[in-house]
Amino acid sequence: MRGNPSLELPKETSEFLFELNVLCPYHLAIESLFFKDYFKMPKSPNVLVIFADQQLRFALGCMGNPDVDTPNLDRLAGRGAHFRSGYSATPVCSPFRVNLVTGRYGLETGAMGNGCVFPKGGHTLVEDFKKAGYGTGFIGKWHVGGNGNQPIPVEHRGGFENFIGYQCYNGFYQDVCFYDEEGKEHRFEKHRTDVTGDIAIERLGAMADEGPFMAVVGFQAPHYPEQPSPKYDRAYRGREVTPRPNYSGKCPYIRTHSPKSPQPVERDPDYRRYGEDIHEYLRCYYALCTQVDANVGRILDALEEKGVLEDTLVLFTADHGDLAGSHDLNGKCVSYEESAGIPFILAGPGVPEGLVIDEPVDSSSYMPTLMDLAGVEASEGLLERSRAFLLKDPKSPTRAFSSLNNWCMVREGSWKLTIEDEENRPTMLFDLESDPYEMNNLVDSPEGELMIKKLQPVVASWKEDCISFRQENYPDS
């Protein structure tokens, strides 16, 4: 059995109890009273992170979106804290995963593109959980150090001991393969989303039997191609859905590379289904969001049946959003809300119920926040990135940062500034309170001048600090 090393009895205490056993006729009563008080100490909570792939922040019922059904995540938000201004620190698949388990920005680790790896000699927070007596596990889409259906080498697993997943395979029905710790392939004739839920329930149950665990479950959905299973597809057939007001009319279809989409696009069943039709795209997309939600519900129900849910910190998020034609763009990789904005729901021990937090928070703080709540020490001073204080003071001012390619972004209050290139040139400035769809760029306006003077040095200094850290610690990354 694993456990918190801090709960081990000191040598002196063990010797004292041994002497009681030998010398004291009433030792049983004394020993019973001792252990009664000793084990009132709080035990280590389990930690579970569940993330979707390409689920934008607004694809939740609890975000006020009537077009999508997410009853399980809505309930999770109701019994915990809903951070309504969560951001991916690196809004694309692989870099987010490195960011999540290291607590470091992409500019710090050099992990800025798909297929990236952990920096040589780098540290992950998974190692800190293991040091604290936790079992660690990952289930699902990994996409670090490779692509396609293939095993993940140990050096690319981020320190997770219990590991079953795949790199990146954008298909939900064919070649649904997971690879375990030994590299053995497991094939399934079932929708990839439901397989991920099945494996998670099995693995988490086994880990819970061994002691406190820290586990991450990564779903592929609702990443394109939009292929919900029939049950969820039928639920959205003909449903009225509304594109976001900043939708441009752009075709939402994106072809896949692993596996390769049929060419020309007219041969692709996905294109024939929703190409040139944003409403049908959204129906399929929301159906996949609901399918993820259903599997999150299954996982939480299984933990409750196991009797460990109330002792488990649960965090739901996504690696990035989905532009779906907003601002005349598809996919992700930019700083717009539809791309960089991600869900952040947190529930469990120490988290107040029904709390709504609007201060901006980025994904570099997600794991440090969990460690702070769980009482796990984080290496390299990363506990300073915890945002657990917002649970006591939801209006305490914070900043969120994000970067990719040639841009960096800072969000402070309702203001959001993006700079580009080595000159740190301001390119986009929005007041999200008056302009939530980012349709009025204030970067060249007189009213934006004062805010640029305030925020440009902030984001430029953050960028410089990140780059300096990488050059000092990971010069080869």
Protein backbone atom coordinates (compact mmCIF):
# COMPACT_ATOMS: atom_id res chain seq x y z
CA MET A 1 0.00 0.00 0.00
CA ARG A 2 1.18 3.48 -0.87
CA GLY A 3 0.54 6.46 1.33
CA ASN A 4 1.73 9.81 2.49
CA PRO A 5 5.24 9.32 3.92
CA SER A 6 4.40 11.96 6.54
CA LEU A 7 1.94 9.48 8.13
CA GLU A 8 4.67 6.98 9.01
CA LEU A 9 5.22 6.70 12.78
CA PRO A 10 8.53 8.10 14.05
CA LYS A 11 11.00 5.54 15.43
CA GLU A 12 10.65 6.92 18.95
CA THR A 13 6.86 6.54 18.81
CA SER A 14 7.10 2.94 17.60
CA GLU A 15 9.52 2.06 20.42
CA PHE A 16 7.24 3.74 22.97
CA LEU A 17 4.24 1.71 21.81
CA PHE A 18 6.33 -1.50 21.91
CA GLU A 19 7.22 -0.81 25.55
CA LEU A 20 3.53 -0.25 26.29
CA ASN A 21 2.75 -3.62 24.79
CA VAL A 22 5.24 -5.27 27.15
CA LEU A 23 4.88 -3.27 30.37
CA CYS A 24 1.41 -1.79 30.58
CA PRO A 25 -1.62 -3.99 31.29
CA TYR A 26 -3.83 -1.24 29.91
CA HIS A 27 -1.80 -0.74 26.76
CA LEU A 28 -4.67 -1.57 24.43
CA ALA A 29 -6.77 1.29 25.72
CA ILE A 30 -3.85 3.75 25.64
CA GLU A 31 -2.76 2.69 22.16
CA SER A 32 -6.33 2.96 20.90
CA LEU A 33 -6.62 6.54 22.16
CA PHE A 34 -3.26 7.44 20.60
CA PHE A 35 -4.14 6.15 17.15
CA LYS A 36 -7.60 7.72 17.34
CA ASP A 37 -6.02 11.17 17.59
CA TYR A 38 -3.04 10.44 15.34
CA PHE A 39 -5.11 9.38 12.36
CA LYS A 40 -7.31 12.43 12.54
CA MET A 41 -4.57 13.94 10.39
CA PRO A 42 -5.93 14.60 6.90
CA LYS A 43 -4.98 11.95 4.40
CA SER A 44 -3.59 12.75 0.98
CA PRO A 45 -6.39 13.40 -1.52
CA ASN A 46 -6.34 11.74 -4.91
CA VAL A 47 -5.75 14.07 -7.85
CA LEU A 48 -7.48 13.57 -11.19
CA VAL A 49 -7.07 15.78 -14.26
CA ILE A 50 -9.39 15.16 -17.19
CA PHE A 51 -8.90 17.10 -20.39
CA ALA A 52 -10.69 17.19 -23.70
CA ASP A 53 -8.99 18.00 -26.99
CA GLN A 54 -10.06 21.17 -28.80
CA GLN A 55 -13.03 21.99 -26.54
CA LEU A 56 -13.34 25.73 -26.38
CA ARG A 57 -14.30 27.36 -23.12
CA PHE A 58 -17.79 28.24 -24.35
CA ALA A 59 -18.80 24.65 -25.22
CA LEU A 60 -20.34 24.08 -21.78
CA GLY A 61 -23.85 24.48 -20.51
CA CYS A 62 -22.51 26.17 -17.37
CA MET A 63 -21.01 28.87 -19.62
CA GLY A 64 -24.53 29.82 -20.65
CA ASN A 65 -24.43 27.99 -24.00
CA PRO A 66 -27.92 26.54 -24.66
CA ASP A 67 -26.76 24.65 -27.77
CA VAL A 68 -24.67 22.01 -25.97
CA ASP A 69 -25.62 19.49 -23.29
CA THR A 70 -22.97 18.95 -20.60
CA PRO A 71 -24.96 17.91 -17.51
CA ASN A 72 -22.09 16.12 -15.77
CA LEU A 73 -19.62 18.95 -16.14
CA ASP A 74 -22.30 21.43 -15.13
CA ARG A 75 -22.83 19.42 -11.92
CA LEU A 76 -19.08 19.27 -11.34
CA ALA A 77 -18.94 23.07 -11.62
CA GLY A 78 -21.86 23.31 -9.18
CA ARG A 79 -20.09 21.25 -6.53
CA GLY A 80 -16.82 23.09 -6.96
CA ALA A 81 -15.25 26.16 -8.53
CA HIS A 82 -15.79 27.27 -12.13
CA PHE A 83 -12.96 29.43 -13.46
CA ARG A 84 -14.63 31.17 -16.40
CA SER A 85 -11.46 32.78 -17.79
CA GLY A 86 -9.12 29.81 -18.21
CA TYR A 87 -6.39 29.95 -20.88
CA SER A 88 -4.12 27.45 -22.52
CA ALA A 89 -0.58 28.70 -21.99
CA THR A 90 0.33 27.13 -25.35
CA PRO A 91 -2.86 26.58 -27.39
CA VAL A 92 -1.93 23.56 -29.46
CA CYS A 93 -1.91 19.83 -28.63
CA SER A 94 1.61 18.68 -27.70
CA PRO A 95 2.92 21.86 -26.05
CA PHE A 96 -0.10 22.01 -23.75
CA ARG A 97 0.63 18.51 -22.43
CA VAL A 98 4.25 19.41 -21.68
CA ASN A 99 3.05 22.62 -20.04
CA LEU A 100 0.47 20.78 -17.93
CA VAL A 101 2.85 18.28 -16.32
CA THR A 102 5.84 20.61 -15.96
CA GLY A 103 4.00 23.75 -14.84
CA ARG A 104 6.30 25.67 -17.19
CA TYR A 105 5.47 27.83 -20.17
CA GLY A 106 6.43 26.76 -23.66
CA LEU A 107 8.86 29.66 -23.84
CA GLU A 108 10.60 28.19 -20.78
CA THR A 109 10.85 24.60 -22.06
CA GLY A 110 11.07 25.18 -25.80
CA ALA A 111 8.01 22.94 -26.30
CA MET A 112 6.20 25.03 -28.88
CA GLY A 113 5.12 22.68 -31.67
CA ASN A 114 3.29 19.39 -32.15
CA GLY A 115 5.43 16.33 -31.57
CA CYS A 116 7.67 18.26 -29.16
CA VAL A 117 9.42 16.51 -26.27
CA PHE A 118 10.28 17.30 -22.67
CA PRO A 119 13.48 19.30 -22.38
CA LYS A 120 16.58 17.20 -21.82
CA GLY A 121 17.29 16.97 -18.12
CA GLY A 122 13.98 18.62 -17.32
CA HIS A 123 11.74 17.91 -14.36
CA THR A 124 8.03 17.13 -14.32
CA LEU A 125 5.63 17.64 -11.44
CA VAL A 126 4.68 13.98 -11.80
CA GLU A 127 8.00 13.20 -10.11
CA ASP A 128 7.00 15.38 -7.16
CA PHE A 129 3.77 13.43 -6.73
CA LYS A 130 5.71 10.16 -6.74
CA LYS A 131 8.08 11.54 -4.12
CA ALA A 132 5.05 12.37 -1.97
CA GLY A 133 3.89 8.74 -2.09
CA TYR A 134 1.41 8.97 -4.96
CA GLY A 135 0.88 6.42 -7.68
CA THR A 136 0.81 8.15 -11.05
CA GLY A 137 -1.00 7.27 -14.25
CA PHE A 138 -1.96 8.53 -17.69
CA ILE A 139 -4.74 7.27 -19.95
CA GLY A 140 -5.55 8.51 -23.46
CA LYS A 141 -4.15 10.78 -26.16
CA TRP A 142 -0.56 11.81 -25.33
CA HIS A 143 0.98 13.34 -28.47
CA VAL A 144 4.40 14.07 -26.97
CA GLY A 145 7.45 12.96 -28.92
CA GLY A 146 5.59 11.49 -31.89
CA ASN A 147 2.43 11.10 -33.94
CA GLY A 148 0.12 8.35 -35.11
CA ASN A 149 -0.67 4.94 -33.65
CA GLN A 150 2.52 3.91 -31.89
CA PRO A 151 3.83 3.14 -28.39
CA ILE A 152 5.17 5.98 -26.28
CA PRO A 153 8.80 5.40 -25.16
CA VAL A 154 9.49 5.71 -21.44
CA GLU A 155 11.54 8.87 -21.91
CA HIS A 156 8.53 10.63 -23.42
CA ARG A 157 6.00 9.65 -20.73
CA GLY A 158 6.62 12.59 -18.41
CA GLY A 159 7.40 10.36 -15.42
CA PHE A 160 4.04 8.54 -15.30
CA GLU A 161 4.41 4.96 -14.05
CA ASN A 162 0.98 3.61 -15.00
CA PHE A 163 0.61 4.48 -18.68
CA ILE A 164 -1.71 3.45 -21.49
CA GLY A 165 -2.37 5.65 -24.48
CA TYR A 166 -1.41 6.58 -28.00
CA GLN A 167 0.33 9.46 -29.68
CA CYS A 168 -2.09 11.14 -32.08
CA TYR A 169 -4.61 9.39 -34.29
CA ASN A 170 -7.50 11.53 -35.46
CA GLY A 171 -10.13 8.89 -36.02
CA PHE A 172 -12.81 7.62 -33.71
CA TYR A 173 -13.87 4.28 -35.23
CA GLN A 174 -10.97 2.76 -37.15
CA ASP A 175 -7.66 1.62 -35.68
CA VAL A 176 -8.61 2.48 -32.11
CA CYS A 177 -5.33 1.41 -30.49
CA PHE A 178 -3.89 2.00 -27.04
CA TYR A 179 -0.36 1.02 -26.00
CA ASP A 180 0.47 -0.02 -22.45
CA GLU A 181 3.61 0.31 -20.32
CA GLU A 182 5.29 -2.56 -22.16
CA GLY A 183 4.43 -1.16 -25.59
CA LYS A 184 1.82 -3.84 -26.18
CA GLU A 185 -0.95 -2.82 -28.57
CA HIS A 186 -4.60 -3.14 -27.49
CA ARG A 187 -7.21 -2.80 -30.27
CA PHE A 188 -10.86 -1.94 -29.71
CA GLU A 189 -13.97 -2.06 -31.88
CA LYS A 190 -15.65 0.87 -30.18
CA HIS A 191 -15.75 4.66 -30.32
CA ARG A 192 -12.43 6.05 -29.10
CA THR A 193 -14.13 8.33 -26.58
CA ASP A 194 -15.95 5.45 -24.88
CA VAL A 195 -12.82 3.29 -24.91
CA THR A 196 -10.95 6.07 -23.12
CA GLY A 197 -13.69 6.16 -20.48
CA ASP A 198 -13.65 2.36 -20.10
CA ILE A 199 -9.90 2.19 -19.61
CA ALA A 200 -9.92 5.14 -17.23
CA ILE A 201 -12.53 3.49 -15.01
CA GLU A 202 -10.53 0.25 -14.90
CA ARG A 203 -7.16 1.87 -14.30
CA LEU A 204 -8.35 4.43 -11.74
CA GLY A 205 -10.12 1.72 -9.79
CA ALA A 206 -6.94 -0.33 -9.59
CA MET A 207 -4.86 2.70 -8.61
CA ALA A 208 -7.33 3.64 -5.86
CA ASP A 209 -6.80 0.22 -4.28
CA GLU A 210 -3.10 0.95 -3.87
CA GLY A 211 -3.29 4.33 -2.14
CA PRO A 212 -3.43 7.98 -3.19
CA PHE A 213 -3.11 8.53 -6.92
CA MET A 214 -2.47 11.36 -9.35
CA ALA A 215 -3.85 10.53 -12.77
CA VAL A 216 -4.47 12.34 -16.04
CA VAL A 217 -7.10 11.26 -18.57
CA GLY A 218 -6.84 12.75 -22.07
CA PHE A 219 -9.77 12.47 -24.50
CA GLN A 220 -9.33 12.86 -28.25
CA ALA A 221 -12.77 14.46 -28.72
CA PRO A 222 -14.11 16.91 -29.80
CA HIS A 223 -11.04 17.38 -32.02
CA TYR A 224 -11.82 17.01 -35.72
CA PRO A 225 -12.89 14.92 -37.56
CA GLU A 226 -16.29 15.43 -35.98
CA GLN A 227 -17.50 11.84 -35.68
CA PRO A 228 -19.85 11.37 -32.71
CA SER A 229 -21.24 7.92 -32.05
CA PRO A 230 -24.85 7.32 -33.26
CA LYS A 231 -26.46 7.88 -29.85
CA TYR A 232 -25.08 11.39 -29.55
CA ASP A 233 -25.34 12.11 -33.27
CA ARG A 234 -29.09 11.39 -33.15
CA ALA A 235 -29.54 13.68 -30.14
CA TYR A 236 -28.32 16.66 -32.17
CA ARG A 237 -29.89 15.87 -35.56
CA GLY A 238 -31.82 18.91 -36.75
CA ARG A 239 -31.11 20.86 -33.56
CA GLU A 240 -30.98 24.64 -33.84
CA VAL A 241 -27.46 25.85 -33.16
CA THR A 242 -26.07 29.37 -33.39
CA PRO A 243 -22.55 30.22 -34.60
CA ARG A 244 -20.68 32.78 -32.55
CA PRO A 245 -21.29 36.39 -33.61
CA ASN A 246 -17.71 36.67 -34.90
CA TYR A 247 -18.20 33.74 -37.30
CA SER A 248 -17.07 34.82 -40.76
CA GLY A 249 -18.75 32.30 -43.05
CA LYS A 250 -15.56 30.25 -43.43
CA CYS A 251 -15.87 26.52 -44.17
CA PRO A 252 -15.18 24.74 -40.84
CA TYR A 253 -13.76 21.55 -42.37
CA ILE A 254 -10.12 20.66 -41.63
CA ARG A 255 -8.45 17.60 -43.11
CA THR A 256 -6.49 15.25 -40.89
CA HIS A 257 -2.91 14.00 -41.27
CA SER A 258 -3.01 10.93 -39.03
CA PRO A 259 -4.75 9.19 -40.70
CA LYS A 260 -4.75 11.20 -43.91
CA SER A 261 -8.15 12.45 -45.06
CA PRO A 262 -9.30 11.29 -48.50
CA GLN A 263 -8.36 13.60 -51.35
CA PRO A 264 -9.91 15.46 -53.05
CA VAL A 265 -12.10 16.64 -50.20
CA GLU A 266 -15.27 15.66 -52.04
CA ARG A 267 -14.33 12.02 -51.32
CA ASP A 268 -14.18 12.63 -47.57
CA PRO A 269 -17.39 11.61 -45.73
CA ASP A 270 -16.65 14.23 -43.07
CA TYR A 271 -16.47 16.98 -45.67
CA ARG A 272 -19.67 15.75 -47.26
CA ARG A 273 -21.29 15.82 -43.82
CA TYR A 274 -20.35 19.28 -42.61
CA GLY A 275 -18.05 20.96 -45.14
CA GLU A 276 -19.38 24.44 -45.98
CA ASP A 277 -22.05 23.99 -43.27
CA ILE A 278 -21.20 25.58 -39.93
CA HIS A 279 -24.51 24.50 -38.38
CA GLU A 280 -23.92 20.82 -39.14
CA TYR A 281 -20.33 21.16 -37.98
CA LEU A 282 -21.49 22.57 -34.66
CA ARG A 283 -24.09 19.82 -34.23
CA CYS A 284 -21.38 17.18 -34.65
CA TYR A 285 -18.92 19.13 -32.50
CA TYR A 286 -21.40 19.59 -29.66
CA ALA A 287 -22.44 15.95 -29.91
CA LEU A 288 -18.81 14.97 -29.27
CA CYS A 289 -18.68 17.41 -26.33
CA THR A 290 -21.73 15.68 -24.89
CA GLN A 291 -20.10 12.29 -25.44
CA VAL A 292 -17.02 13.44 -23.53
CA ASP A 293 -19.30 14.78 -20.81
CA ALA A 294 -21.07 11.42 -20.54
CA ASN A 295 -17.75 9.63 -20.08
CA VAL A 296 -16.63 12.13 -17.48
CA GLY A 297 -19.86 11.31 -15.67
CA ARG A 298 -19.13 7.58 -15.92
CA ILE A 299 -15.64 8.08 -14.47
CA LEU A 300 -16.91 10.17 -11.57
CA ASP A 301 -19.72 7.69 -10.88
CA ALA A 302 -17.19 4.85 -10.78
CA LEU A 303 -15.04 6.76 -8.28
CA GLU A 304 -18.13 7.42 -6.16
CA GLU A 305 -19.07 3.74 -6.20
CA LYS A 306 -15.50 2.98 -5.18
CA GLY A 307 -15.94 5.33 -2.23
CA VAL A 308 -13.08 7.66 -3.19
CA LEU A 309 -14.75 10.54 -5.07
CA GLU A 310 -15.14 12.73 -2.00
CA ASP A 311 -11.39 12.32 -1.38
CA THR A 312 -10.45 13.24 -4.97
CA LEU A 313 -9.54 16.62 -6.40
CA VAL A 314 -10.98 16.70 -9.94
CA LEU A 315 -9.92 19.23 -12.56
CA PHE A 316 -11.52 19.39 -16.02
CA THR A 317 -9.98 21.38 -18.84
CA ALA A 318 -8.89 21.17 -22.49
CA ASP A 319 -5.64 21.64 -24.34
CA HIS A 320 -7.01 24.45 -26.54
CA GLY A 321 -10.20 25.68 -28.14
CA ASP A 322 -11.71 25.60 -31.62
CA LEU A 323 -12.07 28.69 -33.80
CA ALA A 324 -14.62 27.07 -36.15
CA GLY A 325 -14.61 30.01 -38.52
CA SER A 326 -14.48 32.77 -35.91
CA HIS A 327 -12.35 35.68 -37.14
CA ASP A 328 -12.19 33.84 -40.49
CA LEU A 329 -9.94 31.18 -38.95
CA ASN A 330 -10.17 27.47 -38.15
CA GLY A 331 -8.36 25.32 -35.61
CA LYS A 332 -6.28 26.96 -32.87
CA CYS A 333 -2.75 28.39 -32.35
CA VAL A 334 -3.76 32.06 -31.99
CA SER A 335 -4.63 34.21 -28.98
CA TYR A 336 -8.32 34.77 -29.74
CA GLU A 337 -10.71 33.57 -27.04
CA GLU A 338 -12.06 30.76 -29.21
CA SER A 339 -8.53 29.37 -29.58
CA ALA A 340 -6.73 30.08 -26.29
CA GLY A 341 -9.78 30.05 -24.01
CA ILE A 342 -10.30 26.67 -22.30
CA PRO A 343 -12.56 25.23 -19.60
CA PHE A 344 -11.31 25.10 -16.02
CA ILE A 345 -13.54 23.37 -13.47
CA LEU A 346 -12.17 22.29 -10.09
CA ALA A 347 -13.92 20.28 -7.36
CA GLY A 348 -12.99 18.21 -4.34
CA PRO A 349 -11.50 18.57 -0.86
CA GLY A 350 -10.87 22.19 0.08
CA VAL A 351 -12.80 23.61 -2.89
CA PRO A 352 -15.93 25.65 -2.02
CA GLU A 353 -19.12 24.59 -3.78
CA GLY A 354 -20.81 26.79 -6.37
CA LEU A 355 -17.91 29.24 -6.62
CA VAL A 356 -17.55 31.26 -9.84
CA ILE A 357 -14.19 32.92 -10.55
CA ASP A 358 -13.71 35.37 -13.42
CA GLU A 359 -10.09 36.32 -12.79
CA PRO A 360 -7.85 35.03 -15.64
CA VAL A 361 -5.84 31.86 -14.99
CA ASP A 362 -3.54 30.01 -17.42
CA SER A 363 -2.67 26.32 -17.54
CA SER A 364 0.80 26.76 -16.05
CA SER A 365 -0.98 27.14 -12.73
CA TYR A 366 -3.26 24.11 -12.98
CA MET A 367 -0.96 21.43 -11.58
CA PRO A 368 0.66 23.74 -8.97
CA THR A 369 -2.85 24.64 -7.76
CA LEU A 370 -3.70 20.96 -7.33
CA MET A 371 -0.41 20.35 -5.51
CA ASP A 372 -1.10 23.29 -3.22
CA LEU A 373 -4.50 21.89 -2.30
CA ALA A 374 -3.13 18.35 -1.88
CA GLY A 375 -0.20 19.45 0.28
CA VAL A 376 2.39 18.18 -2.20
CA GLU A 377 5.67 20.07 -2.47
CA ALA A 378 6.48 21.34 -5.95
CA SER A 379 10.08 21.53 -7.14
CA GLU A 380 11.79 24.63 -8.49
CA GLY A 381 9.49 27.05 -6.66
CA LEU A 382 6.57 26.24 -8.93
CA LEU A 383 4.10 26.27 -6.06
CA GLU A 384 4.22 30.04 -6.46
CA ARG A 385 2.15 29.57 -9.61
CA SER A 386 -0.73 28.11 -7.62
CA ARG A 387 -4.01 29.98 -7.86
CA ALA A 388 -5.57 28.23 -4.86
CA PHE A 389 -5.81 31.62 -3.15
CA LEU A 390 -8.64 32.50 -5.54
CA LEU A 391 -10.79 29.93 -3.75
CA LYS A 392 -10.72 32.20 -0.69
CA ASP A 393 -10.58 35.53 -2.51
CA PRO A 394 -12.15 35.11 -5.97
CA LYS A 395 -11.59 38.76 -6.88
CA SER A 396 -7.87 38.82 -6.08
CA PRO A 397 -6.25 40.31 -9.23
CA THR A 398 -4.33 37.85 -11.42
CA ARG A 399 -2.78 37.71 -14.86
CA ALA A 400 -2.77 34.97 -17.45
CA PHE A 401 -0.13 34.50 -20.16
CA SER A 402 -0.08 32.53 -23.37
CA SER A 403 2.30 32.24 -26.32
CA LEU A 404 2.93 30.34 -29.51
CA ASN A 405 4.85 30.89 -32.74
CA ASN A 406 5.69 34.60 -32.86
CA TRP A 407 3.10 36.00 -30.43
CA CYS A 408 2.67 36.44 -26.68
CA MET A 409 -0.49 37.42 -24.83
CA VAL A 410 -1.38 38.79 -21.41
CA ARG A 411 -4.83 39.06 -19.87
CA GLU A 412 -5.36 41.36 -16.88
CA GLY A 413 -8.84 42.14 -15.70
CA SER A 414 -10.97 42.54 -18.80
CA TRP A 415 -8.05 43.70 -20.95
CA LYS A 416 -6.10 41.43 -23.26
CA LEU A 417 -3.00 42.44 -25.22
CA THR A 418 -1.14 40.43 -27.86
CA ILE A 419 2.38 41.35 -28.99
CA GLU A 420 4.38 39.87 -31.87
CA ASP A 421 7.94 39.40 -33.11
CA GLU A 422 11.21 40.35 -31.45
CA GLU A 423 10.14 44.00 -31.32
CA ASN A 424 7.20 43.09 -29.05
CA ARG A 425 4.92 44.97 -31.41
CA PRO A 426 1.34 45.31 -30.10
CA THR A 427 -1.04 43.80 -32.64
CA MET A 428 -4.30 43.17 -30.78
CA LEU A 429 -5.91 44.84 -27.78
CA PHE A 430 -9.41 44.04 -26.60
CA ASP A 431 -11.61 45.02 -23.68
CA LEU A 432 -13.47 41.74 -23.16
CA GLU A 433 -16.04 43.34 -20.90
CA SER A 434 -17.40 45.59 -23.65
CA ASP A 435 -16.23 43.43 -26.57
CA PRO A 436 -16.42 39.72 -25.59
CA TYR A 437 -16.20 38.55 -29.22
CA GLU A 438 -13.04 40.59 -29.96
CA MET A 439 -14.50 42.45 -32.90
CA ASN A 440 -13.10 45.90 -32.05
CA ASN A 441 -9.31 45.93 -31.98
CA LEU A 442 -8.21 48.95 -29.94
CA VAL A 443 -4.49 48.63 -30.62
CA ASP A 444 -4.36 51.80 -32.75
CA SER A 445 -7.02 53.75 -30.89
CA PRO A 446 -6.47 56.67 -28.51
CA GLU A 447 -8.42 54.83 -25.77
CA GLY A 448 -6.10 51.83 -26.07
CA GLU A 449 -2.88 53.80 -25.84
CA LEU A 450 -2.85 54.00 -22.04
CA MET A 451 -3.54 50.28 -21.63
CA ILE A 452 -0.78 49.37 -24.10
CA LYS A 453 1.66 51.46 -22.08
CA LYS A 454 0.63 49.48 -19.00
CA LEU A 455 0.51 45.95 -20.40
CA GLN A 456 3.23 45.92 -23.08
CA PRO A 457 6.09 46.06 -20.52
CA VAL A 458 4.35 43.36 -18.47
CA VAL A 459 4.12 40.82 -21.26
CA ALA A 460 7.53 41.77 -22.68
CA SER A 461 9.16 41.26 -19.27
CA TRP A 462 7.38 37.89 -18.86
CA LYS A 463 8.61 36.83 -22.30
CA GLU A 464 12.19 37.85 -21.46
CA ASP A 465 12.12 35.97 -18.15
CA CYS A 466 10.85 32.81 -19.84
CA ILE A 467 13.50 32.92 -22.54
CA SER A 468 16.24 33.60 -19.96
CA PHE A 469 15.10 30.57 -17.94
CA ARG A 470 15.26 28.35 -21.02
CA GLN A 471 18.68 29.59 -22.06
CA GLU A 472 20.04 28.99 -18.56
CA ASN A 473 18.42 25.61 -17.92
CA TYR A 474 17.67 24.07 -21.32
CA PRO A 475 20.10 25.63 -23.81
CA ASP A 476 19.59 22.79 -26.28
CA SER A 477 15.80 22.99 -26.38
